[in-house]
N, C-alpha and C. Protein backbone atom coordinates (compact mmCIF):
# COMPACT_ATOMS: atom_id res chain seq x y z
N MET A 1 24.87 -27.87 19.73
CA MET A 1 23.93 -27.65 18.65
C MET A 1 24.71 -27.42 17.35
N GLN A 2 24.37 -28.15 16.33
CA GLN A 2 25.01 -28.03 15.02
C GLN A 2 24.31 -26.94 14.22
N VAL A 3 25.06 -25.97 13.74
CA VAL A 3 24.51 -24.89 12.93
C VAL A 3 25.20 -24.89 11.59
N HIS A 4 24.40 -24.71 10.55
CA HIS A 4 24.96 -24.64 9.20
C HIS A 4 24.88 -23.19 8.74
N TRP A 5 26.03 -22.61 8.47
CA TRP A 5 26.09 -21.23 8.03
C TRP A 5 26.07 -21.18 6.50
N ASP A 6 25.39 -20.19 5.97
CA ASP A 6 25.29 -19.97 4.53
C ASP A 6 26.55 -19.25 4.06
N ASP A 7 27.24 -19.83 3.11
CA ASP A 7 28.50 -19.25 2.61
C ASP A 7 28.30 -17.97 1.80
N THR A 8 27.06 -17.66 1.45
CA THR A 8 26.83 -16.49 0.60
C THR A 8 26.65 -15.20 1.40
N GLN A 9 26.60 -15.30 2.72
CA GLN A 9 26.39 -14.12 3.56
C GLN A 9 27.33 -14.20 4.77
N PRO A 10 27.91 -13.06 5.19
CA PRO A 10 28.79 -13.09 6.35
C PRO A 10 28.09 -13.68 7.58
N ILE A 11 28.85 -14.42 8.37
CA ILE A 11 28.28 -15.10 9.55
C ILE A 11 27.70 -14.10 10.54
N TYR A 12 28.35 -12.94 10.72
CA TYR A 12 27.83 -11.99 11.70
C TYR A 12 26.42 -11.50 11.31
N LEU A 13 26.15 -11.39 10.01
CA LEU A 13 24.80 -11.01 9.57
C LEU A 13 23.80 -12.14 9.80
N GLN A 14 24.24 -13.37 9.58
CA GLN A 14 23.36 -14.52 9.83
C GLN A 14 23.04 -14.63 11.31
N LEU A 15 24.05 -14.38 12.15
CA LEU A 15 23.84 -14.43 13.59
C LEU A 15 22.88 -13.33 14.03
N ARG A 16 23.08 -12.13 13.49
CA ARG A 16 22.15 -11.03 13.79
C ARG A 16 20.73 -11.42 13.40
N ASP A 17 20.57 -12.02 12.22
CA ASP A 17 19.25 -12.43 11.76
C ASP A 17 18.63 -13.48 12.68
N ARG A 18 19.46 -14.38 13.21
CA ARG A 18 18.95 -15.38 14.15
C ARG A 18 18.40 -14.70 15.40
N VAL A 19 19.11 -13.70 15.89
CA VAL A 19 18.64 -12.97 17.08
C VAL A 19 17.37 -12.21 16.75
N LEU A 20 17.31 -11.58 15.57
CA LEU A 20 16.09 -10.87 15.16
C LEU A 20 14.90 -11.82 15.12
N ASN A 21 15.09 -13.01 14.58
CA ASN A 21 14.01 -13.99 14.53
C ASN A 21 13.59 -14.44 15.92
N MET A 22 14.56 -14.54 16.83
CA MET A 22 14.24 -14.91 18.21
C MET A 22 13.41 -13.83 18.89
N ILE A 23 13.68 -12.58 18.57
CA ILE A 23 12.87 -11.48 19.12
C ILE A 23 11.47 -11.53 18.52
N LEU A 24 11.38 -11.72 17.21
CA LEU A 24 10.08 -11.76 16.54
C LEU A 24 9.21 -12.92 17.01
N ASP A 25 9.82 -14.10 17.20
CA ASP A 25 9.01 -15.26 17.59
C ASP A 25 8.81 -15.38 19.10
N GLY A 26 9.38 -14.43 19.85
CA GLY A 26 9.16 -14.42 21.30
C GLY A 26 10.13 -15.26 22.10
N SER A 27 11.12 -15.85 21.46
CA SER A 27 12.13 -16.63 22.19
C SER A 27 12.98 -15.72 23.06
N LEU A 28 13.14 -14.47 22.63
CA LEU A 28 13.83 -13.44 23.42
C LEU A 28 12.84 -12.32 23.67
N ASP A 29 12.58 -12.03 24.92
CA ASP A 29 11.64 -10.97 25.28
C ASP A 29 12.35 -9.65 25.49
N GLU A 30 11.61 -8.57 25.40
CA GLU A 30 12.15 -7.26 25.67
C GLU A 30 12.62 -7.21 27.12
N GLY A 31 13.81 -6.65 27.32
CA GLY A 31 14.39 -6.58 28.65
C GLY A 31 15.21 -7.81 29.03
N GLU A 32 15.12 -8.85 28.22
CA GLU A 32 15.85 -10.09 28.49
C GLU A 32 17.31 -9.98 28.03
N ALA A 33 18.18 -10.61 28.78
CA ALA A 33 19.61 -10.60 28.44
C ALA A 33 19.86 -11.50 27.24
N LEU A 34 20.72 -11.02 26.35
CA LEU A 34 21.21 -11.87 25.27
C LEU A 34 22.29 -12.77 25.84
N PRO A 35 22.50 -13.93 25.26
CA PRO A 35 23.62 -14.77 25.71
C PRO A 35 24.93 -13.99 25.55
N SER A 36 25.87 -14.24 26.42
CA SER A 36 27.14 -13.51 26.36
C SER A 36 27.88 -13.83 25.07
N VAL A 37 28.76 -12.92 24.70
CA VAL A 37 29.59 -13.12 23.51
C VAL A 37 30.37 -14.42 23.65
N ARG A 38 30.94 -14.64 24.81
CA ARG A 38 31.71 -15.87 25.03
C ARG A 38 30.86 -17.11 24.91
N ALA A 39 29.65 -17.08 25.45
CA ALA A 39 28.77 -18.25 25.38
C ALA A 39 28.40 -18.57 23.93
N VAL A 40 28.04 -17.54 23.17
CA VAL A 40 27.67 -17.74 21.77
C VAL A 40 28.89 -18.22 20.98
N SER A 41 30.04 -17.61 21.24
CA SER A 41 31.27 -18.03 20.55
C SER A 41 31.55 -19.50 20.78
N ALA A 42 31.43 -19.93 22.04
CA ALA A 42 31.72 -21.32 22.38
C ALA A 42 30.67 -22.26 21.77
N GLU A 43 29.39 -21.89 21.89
CA GLU A 43 28.32 -22.76 21.41
C GLU A 43 28.38 -22.97 19.90
N TYR A 44 28.64 -21.90 19.16
CA TYR A 44 28.64 -21.99 17.70
C TYR A 44 30.03 -22.09 17.09
N LYS A 45 31.05 -22.15 17.96
CA LYS A 45 32.44 -22.23 17.50
C LYS A 45 32.78 -21.07 16.56
N LEU A 46 32.49 -19.85 17.05
CA LEU A 46 32.74 -18.64 16.29
C LEU A 46 33.78 -17.78 16.98
N ASN A 47 34.43 -16.96 16.21
CA ASN A 47 35.35 -15.98 16.76
C ASN A 47 34.52 -14.96 17.55
N PRO A 48 34.94 -14.61 18.77
CA PRO A 48 34.19 -13.62 19.55
C PRO A 48 34.00 -12.28 18.82
N ILE A 49 34.93 -11.93 17.94
CA ILE A 49 34.79 -10.68 17.18
C ILE A 49 33.57 -10.76 16.25
N THR A 50 33.32 -11.93 15.69
CA THR A 50 32.16 -12.14 14.82
C THR A 50 30.87 -11.92 15.61
N VAL A 51 30.81 -12.50 16.80
CA VAL A 51 29.62 -12.34 17.66
C VAL A 51 29.47 -10.88 18.06
N SER A 52 30.57 -10.24 18.44
CA SER A 52 30.52 -8.83 18.83
C SER A 52 30.01 -7.95 17.69
N LYS A 53 30.42 -8.27 16.47
CA LYS A 53 29.96 -7.51 15.29
C LYS A 53 28.44 -7.64 15.13
N ALA A 54 27.95 -8.85 15.30
CA ALA A 54 26.50 -9.08 15.19
C ALA A 54 25.76 -8.29 16.27
N TYR A 55 26.26 -8.35 17.49
CA TYR A 55 25.63 -7.63 18.60
C TYR A 55 25.71 -6.12 18.39
N GLN A 56 26.81 -5.64 17.83
CA GLN A 56 26.95 -4.20 17.58
C GLN A 56 25.89 -3.72 16.59
N LEU A 57 25.58 -4.54 15.60
CA LEU A 57 24.52 -4.19 14.64
C LEU A 57 23.18 -4.06 15.34
N LEU A 58 22.93 -4.93 16.32
CA LEU A 58 21.69 -4.86 17.09
C LEU A 58 21.63 -3.57 17.90
N VAL A 59 22.76 -3.18 18.47
CA VAL A 59 22.83 -1.93 19.23
C VAL A 59 22.59 -0.74 18.31
N GLU A 60 23.25 -0.73 17.16
CA GLU A 60 23.09 0.36 16.20
C GLU A 60 21.65 0.48 15.69
N SER A 61 20.94 -0.65 15.65
CA SER A 61 19.54 -0.65 15.22
C SER A 61 18.59 -0.38 16.39
N GLU A 62 19.15 -0.14 17.56
CA GLU A 62 18.39 0.13 18.78
C GLU A 62 17.47 -1.02 19.17
N LEU A 63 17.92 -2.24 18.87
CA LEU A 63 17.18 -3.44 19.24
C LEU A 63 17.79 -4.11 20.46
N ALA A 64 19.02 -3.71 20.80
CA ALA A 64 19.70 -4.22 21.99
C ALA A 64 20.49 -3.07 22.59
N GLU A 65 20.76 -3.20 23.88
CA GLU A 65 21.54 -2.18 24.56
C GLU A 65 22.57 -2.83 25.47
N LYS A 66 23.71 -2.17 25.60
CA LYS A 66 24.76 -2.64 26.49
C LYS A 66 24.49 -2.06 27.87
N ARG A 67 24.58 -2.91 28.88
CA ARG A 67 24.50 -2.45 30.26
C ARG A 67 25.82 -2.79 30.91
N ARG A 68 26.54 -1.77 31.22
CA ARG A 68 27.89 -1.92 31.74
C ARG A 68 27.92 -2.90 32.92
N GLY A 69 28.76 -3.91 32.76
CA GLY A 69 28.94 -4.90 33.81
C GLY A 69 27.86 -5.98 33.85
N LEU A 70 26.82 -5.81 33.05
CA LEU A 70 25.71 -6.77 33.06
C LEU A 70 25.56 -7.54 31.76
N GLY A 71 25.94 -6.91 30.66
CA GLY A 71 25.83 -7.58 29.37
C GLY A 71 24.94 -6.83 28.41
N MET A 72 24.41 -7.57 27.46
CA MET A 72 23.60 -7.02 26.38
C MET A 72 22.14 -7.45 26.61
N PHE A 73 21.21 -6.51 26.41
CA PHE A 73 19.80 -6.76 26.65
C PHE A 73 18.95 -6.31 25.48
N VAL A 74 17.83 -7.01 25.26
CA VAL A 74 16.87 -6.61 24.24
C VAL A 74 16.19 -5.34 24.76
N THR A 75 16.13 -4.32 23.92
CA THR A 75 15.54 -3.04 24.35
C THR A 75 14.02 -3.13 24.41
N GLU A 76 13.45 -2.25 25.23
CA GLU A 76 12.00 -2.13 25.28
C GLU A 76 11.54 -1.57 23.92
N GLY A 77 10.49 -2.12 23.39
CA GLY A 77 9.97 -1.70 22.09
C GLY A 77 10.66 -2.33 20.90
N ALA A 78 11.61 -3.24 21.17
CA ALA A 78 12.37 -3.86 20.08
C ALA A 78 11.47 -4.66 19.13
N LYS A 79 10.57 -5.43 19.70
CA LYS A 79 9.72 -6.27 18.84
C LYS A 79 8.83 -5.41 17.95
N GLU A 80 8.25 -4.37 18.52
CA GLU A 80 7.38 -3.48 17.74
C GLU A 80 8.18 -2.79 16.63
N LYS A 81 9.37 -2.30 16.94
CA LYS A 81 10.22 -1.65 15.94
C LYS A 81 10.61 -2.64 14.85
N LEU A 82 10.97 -3.84 15.27
CA LEU A 82 11.37 -4.87 14.32
C LEU A 82 10.22 -5.26 13.41
N LEU A 83 9.03 -5.44 13.98
CA LEU A 83 7.85 -5.76 13.17
C LEU A 83 7.58 -4.66 12.15
N LYS A 84 7.66 -3.41 12.58
CA LYS A 84 7.44 -2.28 11.68
C LYS A 84 8.45 -2.31 10.54
N ASP A 85 9.73 -2.47 10.88
CA ASP A 85 10.78 -2.49 9.86
C ASP A 85 10.63 -3.67 8.91
N GLU A 86 10.33 -4.85 9.46
CA GLU A 86 10.18 -6.05 8.62
C GLU A 86 8.97 -5.94 7.71
N ARG A 87 7.87 -5.41 8.22
CA ARG A 87 6.68 -5.22 7.39
C ARG A 87 6.97 -4.26 6.24
N GLU A 88 7.65 -3.15 6.57
CA GLU A 88 7.98 -2.17 5.54
C GLU A 88 8.87 -2.80 4.47
N GLN A 89 9.86 -3.57 4.89
CA GLN A 89 10.76 -4.26 3.96
C GLN A 89 9.96 -5.21 3.06
N PHE A 90 9.04 -5.95 3.67
CA PHE A 90 8.24 -6.89 2.90
C PHE A 90 7.37 -6.16 1.88
N LEU A 91 6.67 -5.12 2.33
CA LEU A 91 5.73 -4.43 1.45
C LEU A 91 6.40 -3.59 0.37
N THR A 92 7.60 -3.07 0.64
CA THR A 92 8.24 -2.20 -0.35
C THR A 92 9.24 -2.92 -1.24
N VAL A 93 9.79 -4.04 -0.77
CA VAL A 93 10.83 -4.74 -1.55
C VAL A 93 10.38 -6.14 -1.96
N GLU A 94 10.03 -6.94 -0.98
CA GLU A 94 9.75 -8.35 -1.27
C GLU A 94 8.42 -8.55 -1.99
N TRP A 95 7.36 -7.87 -1.55
CA TRP A 95 6.05 -8.06 -2.16
C TRP A 95 6.03 -7.62 -3.63
N PRO A 96 6.57 -6.45 -3.99
CA PRO A 96 6.59 -6.08 -5.42
C PRO A 96 7.34 -7.11 -6.27
N ALA A 97 8.44 -7.63 -5.75
CA ALA A 97 9.19 -8.65 -6.50
C ALA A 97 8.36 -9.92 -6.64
N LEU A 98 7.65 -10.27 -5.59
CA LEU A 98 6.78 -11.45 -5.63
C LEU A 98 5.64 -11.25 -6.62
N LEU A 99 5.06 -10.08 -6.62
CA LEU A 99 3.98 -9.79 -7.58
C LEU A 99 4.47 -9.89 -9.02
N ARG A 100 5.67 -9.34 -9.28
CA ARG A 100 6.22 -9.45 -10.65
C ARG A 100 6.41 -10.91 -11.04
N ARG A 101 6.89 -11.72 -10.12
CA ARG A 101 7.09 -13.14 -10.42
C ARG A 101 5.75 -13.83 -10.65
N MET A 102 4.75 -13.49 -9.85
CA MET A 102 3.42 -14.07 -10.04
C MET A 102 2.87 -13.70 -11.41
N GLU A 103 3.09 -12.47 -11.82
CA GLU A 103 2.62 -12.05 -13.15
C GLU A 103 3.30 -12.85 -14.25
N ARG A 104 4.62 -13.06 -14.12
CA ARG A 104 5.35 -13.84 -15.12
C ARG A 104 4.84 -15.28 -15.18
N LEU A 105 4.46 -15.80 -14.02
CA LEU A 105 3.97 -17.19 -13.95
C LEU A 105 2.46 -17.28 -14.12
N GLN A 106 1.82 -16.14 -14.35
CA GLN A 106 0.37 -16.06 -14.54
C GLN A 106 -0.39 -16.66 -13.35
N ILE A 107 0.05 -16.28 -12.17
CA ILE A 107 -0.63 -16.68 -10.93
C ILE A 107 -1.41 -15.46 -10.45
N SER A 108 -2.73 -15.62 -10.30
CA SER A 108 -3.55 -14.51 -9.84
C SER A 108 -3.56 -14.48 -8.31
N LEU A 109 -4.04 -13.35 -7.77
CA LEU A 109 -4.17 -13.26 -6.31
C LEU A 109 -5.17 -14.30 -5.80
N ASP A 110 -6.20 -14.58 -6.60
CA ASP A 110 -7.18 -15.61 -6.23
C ASP A 110 -6.51 -16.98 -6.15
N ASP A 111 -5.60 -17.26 -7.11
CA ASP A 111 -4.85 -18.53 -7.07
C ASP A 111 -4.03 -18.62 -5.79
N LEU A 112 -3.43 -17.51 -5.44
CA LEU A 112 -2.59 -17.46 -4.24
C LEU A 112 -3.42 -17.70 -2.98
N VAL A 113 -4.56 -17.04 -2.89
CA VAL A 113 -5.45 -17.21 -1.73
C VAL A 113 -5.95 -18.65 -1.66
N SER A 114 -6.32 -19.22 -2.79
CA SER A 114 -6.79 -20.61 -2.83
C SER A 114 -5.70 -21.56 -2.35
N ALA A 115 -4.48 -21.34 -2.82
CA ALA A 115 -3.36 -22.19 -2.42
C ALA A 115 -3.10 -22.06 -0.92
N ALA A 116 -3.20 -20.84 -0.40
CA ALA A 116 -2.98 -20.62 1.03
C ALA A 116 -4.05 -21.32 1.86
N LYS A 117 -5.31 -21.23 1.41
CA LYS A 117 -6.40 -21.90 2.13
C LYS A 117 -6.24 -23.41 2.08
N GLN A 118 -5.84 -23.93 0.95
CA GLN A 118 -5.63 -25.37 0.80
C GLN A 118 -4.51 -25.84 1.72
N ARG A 119 -3.45 -25.08 1.76
CA ARG A 119 -2.31 -25.43 2.63
C ARG A 119 -2.72 -25.38 4.10
N GLU A 120 -3.48 -24.36 4.45
CA GLU A 120 -3.95 -24.21 5.82
C GLU A 120 -4.82 -25.40 6.22
N ALA A 121 -5.66 -25.85 5.30
CA ALA A 121 -6.55 -26.98 5.58
C ALA A 121 -5.77 -28.27 5.79
N THR A 122 -4.69 -28.45 5.03
CA THR A 122 -3.89 -29.68 5.18
C THR A 122 -3.01 -29.64 6.42
N ASP A 123 -2.68 -28.42 6.89
CA ASP A 123 -1.85 -28.29 8.09
C ASP A 123 -2.64 -28.55 9.37
N GLU A 124 -3.96 -28.48 9.30
CA GLU A 124 -4.79 -28.66 10.50
C GLU A 124 -4.96 -30.07 10.86
């Protein structure tokens, strides 16, 4: 699998974000084993230390846990915790910035809802 890494952000953070998205979209379930450091290193041609750093961030965030001799696993409640954290980030950081941009561009909430409905209709 060919992966394109963004040069503006460290790879270990991008890898962590990929795992977070896999938890959010259900590709990785709670209690499920994460791919081994060696497997990820080989698949993405990454230094194992980079993969370990990404996994360590997941452990520190209590989204994954190490099981001695078994590997790394998604913790119970990880998806709920992640959803809570992501929603809070969106509502406190991203949404206010988006609202300010909408104001500068003179886009009303009604315009936004109309655009969303139009997009939804074309996607069906």
